[in-house]
Protein backbone atom coordinates (compact mmCIF):
# COMPACT_ATOMS: atom_id res chain seq x y z
CA UNK A 1 -41.51 -24.90 -10.07
CA UNK A 2 -40.25 -24.50 -13.17
CA UNK A 3 -41.26 -21.15 -13.84
CA UNK A 4 -39.17 -20.19 -11.18
CA UNK A 5 -36.52 -22.02 -12.97
CA UNK A 6 -37.31 -20.81 -16.39
CA UNK A 7 -36.92 -17.13 -15.26
CA UNK A 8 -33.82 -17.66 -13.74
CA UNK A 9 -32.41 -19.17 -17.21
CA UNK A 10 -33.33 -15.64 -18.40
CA UNK A 11 -31.72 -13.12 -16.10
CA UNK A 12 -28.75 -15.27 -16.13
CA UNK A 13 -28.68 -14.78 -20.37
CA UNK A 14 -29.77 -11.52 -19.91
CA UNK A 15 -26.36 -10.81 -17.16
CA UNK A 16 -23.87 -12.58 -19.44
CA UNK A 17 -25.20 -10.38 -22.29
CA UNK A 18 -25.13 -7.20 -20.75
CA UNK A 19 -21.01 -8.03 -19.37
CA UNK A 20 -19.97 -7.28 -23.16
CA UNK A 21 -20.75 -6.97 -26.96
CA UNK A 22 -18.02 -8.69 -28.11
CA UNK A 23 -16.50 -5.84 -30.07
CA UNK A 24 -13.38 -5.91 -27.39
CA UNK A 25 -14.46 -2.42 -26.20
CA UNK A 26 -14.31 -1.86 -22.82
CA UNK A 27 -14.22 0.98 -20.02
CA UNK A 28 -10.93 -0.14 -18.78
CA UNK A 29 -8.02 2.25 -18.72
CA UNK A 30 -5.63 0.19 -19.33
CA UNK A 31 -2.98 0.54 -22.03
CA UNK A 32 -4.90 -0.42 -25.59
CA UNK A 33 -1.43 -1.84 -27.02
CA UNK A 34 -1.58 -4.29 -24.10
CA UNK A 35 -3.74 -7.50 -24.97
CA UNK A 36 -6.42 -8.80 -22.94
CA UNK A 37 -4.52 -12.19 -22.44
CA UNK A 38 -1.41 -10.16 -21.21
CA UNK A 39 -4.26 -7.85 -18.83
CA UNK A 40 -5.06 -11.38 -17.27
CA UNK A 41 -1.71 -12.93 -16.58
CA UNK A 42 -0.23 -9.74 -15.26
CA UNK A 43 -3.59 -9.61 -13.05
CA UNK A 44 -3.06 -12.67 -12.08
CA UNK A 45 0.73 -12.61 -10.96
CA UNK A 46 -0.35 -9.87 -8.79
CA UNK A 47 -0.65 -10.73 -5.10
CA UNK A 48 -0.92 -9.51 -1.89
CA UNK A 49 1.22 -9.58 0.87
CA UNK A 50 1.51 -9.71 4.03
CA UNK A 51 1.92 -6.40 6.12
CA UNK A 52 2.19 -6.86 9.90
CA UNK A 53 2.78 -3.40 11.80
CA UNK A 54 5.66 -2.73 14.48
CA UNK A 55 4.69 1.03 15.73
CA UNK A 56 3.57 3.91 15.33
CA UNK A 57 2.87 7.00 16.61
CA UNK A 58 3.67 11.00 16.70
CA UNK A 59 7.04 11.52 18.31
CA UNK A 60 8.40 14.80 19.38
CA UNK A 61 10.99 14.35 17.00
CA UNK A 62 11.78 13.16 13.62
CA UNK A 63 12.91 13.80 10.10
CA UNK A 64 11.18 17.64 8.46
CA UNK A 65 9.47 15.95 5.31
CA UNK A 66 8.05 12.77 4.77
CA UNK A 67 11.01 10.00 3.66
CA UNK A 68 10.80 6.19 3.64
CA UNK A 69 13.70 3.27 4.76
CA UNK A 70 13.80 0.07 3.72
CA UNK A 71 15.63 -2.45 5.07
CA UNK A 72 16.29 -6.25 4.82
CA UNK A 73 15.72 -6.73 8.57
CA UNK A 74 15.28 -5.49 11.88
CA UNK A 75 18.72 -5.09 12.95
CA UNK A 76 19.73 -3.27 9.36
CA UNK A 77 16.64 -1.07 10.25
CA UNK A 78 17.79 -0.36 13.66
CA UNK A 79 21.05 0.71 12.06
CA UNK A 80 19.66 2.82 9.68
CA UNK A 81 17.00 4.62 12.60
CA UNK A 82 19.14 4.68 15.49
CA UNK A 83 16.25 3.40 17.52
CA UNK A 84 15.58 -0.10 18.31
CA UNK A 85 13.37 -2.17 15.86
CA UNK A 86 12.19 -5.51 17.09
CA UNK A 87 13.04 -8.63 15.19
CA UNK A 88 9.92 -10.27 14.09
CA UNK A 89 11.01 -12.69 11.54
CA UNK A 90 11.62 -12.30 7.78
CA UNK A 91 10.80 -9.62 5.06
CA UNK A 92 11.37 -6.00 4.09
CA UNK A 93 11.53 -3.84 7.28
CA UNK A 94 10.23 -0.27 6.37
CA UNK A 95 9.97 2.92 8.58
CA UNK A 96 7.76 5.56 7.03
CA UNK A 97 8.00 8.95 8.46
CA UNK A 98 5.20 11.54 7.06
CA UNK A 99 7.15 14.46 8.26
CA UNK A 100 6.69 17.58 10.65
CA UNK A 101 2.79 18.06 11.78
CA UNK A 102 1.77 21.58 13.25
CA UNK A 103 -0.72 19.83 15.70
CA UNK A 104 -1.14 16.10 17.02
CA UNK A 105 -3.99 14.51 15.66
CA UNK A 106 -1.93 12.73 12.69
CA UNK A 107 -1.38 9.27 12.13
CA UNK A 108 0.17 7.34 9.73
CA UNK A 109 0.05 3.18 8.98
CA UNK A 110 0.99 0.64 6.94
CA UNK A 111 -2.28 -0.58 5.55
CA UNK A 112 -1.00 -3.08 2.66
CA UNK A 113 1.52 -4.39 -0.32
CA UNK A 114 0.66 -6.01 -3.25
CA UNK A 115 3.16 -7.22 -5.62
CA UNK A 116 3.02 -7.24 -9.12
CA UNK A 117 6.31 -8.38 -11.61
CA UNK A 118 9.04 -6.12 -9.53
CA UNK A 119 6.78 -3.63 -8.34
CA UNK A 120 6.14 -3.20 -4.80
CA UNK A 121 3.40 -0.95 -4.10
CA UNK A 122 2.61 -0.12 -0.65
CA UNK A 123 -0.55 1.50 0.89
CA UNK A 124 -0.33 4.12 3.16
CA UNK A 125 -3.14 5.12 5.89
CA UNK A 126 -3.12 9.06 6.46
CA UNK A 127 -5.25 10.61 8.86
CA UNK A 128 -5.53 14.29 9.32
CA UNK A 129 -7.40 16.08 12.65
CA UNK A 130 -10.51 17.21 12.12
CA UNK A 131 -10.81 20.84 11.34
CA UNK A 132 -12.68 21.18 14.47
CA UNK A 133 -10.65 18.97 16.60
CA UNK A 134 -9.07 19.34 19.97
CA UNK A 135 -5.28 18.60 19.27
CA UNK A 136 -2.32 18.91 20.85
CA UNK A 137 -0.70 22.33 20.60
CA UNK A 138 2.56 21.02 19.39
CA UNK A 139 5.10 19.75 16.88
CA UNK A 140 4.56 15.93 15.59
CA UNK A 141 6.35 13.54 13.48
CA UNK A 142 3.85 10.87 12.54
CA UNK A 143 5.46 7.66 11.90
CA UNK A 144 4.73 4.49 10.90
CA UNK A 145 7.29 0.99 11.20
CA UNK A 146 6.40 -2.56 9.54
CA UNK A 147 7.41 -5.54 8.08
CA UNK A 148 6.27 -7.08 4.69
CA UNK A 149 6.32 -10.75 4.80
CA UNK A 150 7.45 -13.19 1.72
CA UNK A 151 9.64 -10.49 -0.06
CA UNK A 152 13.29 -9.26 -0.76
CA UNK A 153 14.75 -5.88 -0.79
CA UNK A 154 16.63 -6.69 -4.49
CA UNK A 155 15.21 -6.72 -7.31
CA UNK A 156 11.93 -4.48 -6.49
CA UNK A 157 10.73 -1.93 -6.85
CA UNK A 158 8.54 0.28 -4.46
CA UNK A 159 6.14 3.10 -4.78
CA UNK A 160 3.81 4.28 -2.30
CA UNK A 161 0.09 5.43 -2.22
CA UNK A 162 -2.70 6.87 -0.16
CA UNK A 163 -5.97 4.92 0.49
CA UNK A 164 -7.71 6.84 -2.06
CA UNK A 165 -4.49 5.70 -4.91
CA UNK A 166 -2.94 8.93 -4.78
CA UNK A 167 0.79 8.25 -5.82
CA UNK A 168 3.40 9.29 -3.30
CA UNK A 169 6.71 10.78 -4.17
CA UNK A 170 8.42 10.56 -1.30
CA UNK A 171 12.53 10.16 -1.16
CA UNK A 172 12.79 6.43 -0.36
CA UNK A 173 16.25 5.13 0.62
CA UNK A 174 17.35 1.70 1.20
CA UNK A 175 19.39 0.29 3.98
CA UNK A 176 22.65 -2.09 3.66
CA UNK A 177 22.07 -5.83 5.25
């Protein structure tokens, strides 16, 4: 038993030493002007937000190009889109449109949201059909409607990324309350 405890102690020390050489060098790609303390504080301030999907589909009509509409309520999003958006409580409502697609088999969902300072990063799941998939031969317009809880529209900047972390430069429009 003592032999096992000694072995575990040696392994823990070895792992601790391998974690860093104390030089402050790191393989992180953070801004070199930012101190370790500032990075830790920023990471501590980042928090995941609760996202609830309301609807998604590939309708027969919609915007030609990708776009996002943000609204402070379901009523405001309903007025902005011309479609009835069910009220799911407080939060930011968003409608995300992928634009016109040449066939069926495309899908879009709001996967997650993260708040860091005033930056809200929303991750979208964009799925394309497999090259050999049997798909509907019709134009489709994938979209998703969701609500992000515990967040206000004012004072926040929004960015959208794919599941792989690629930034999407889609136009974002804010609806009035």
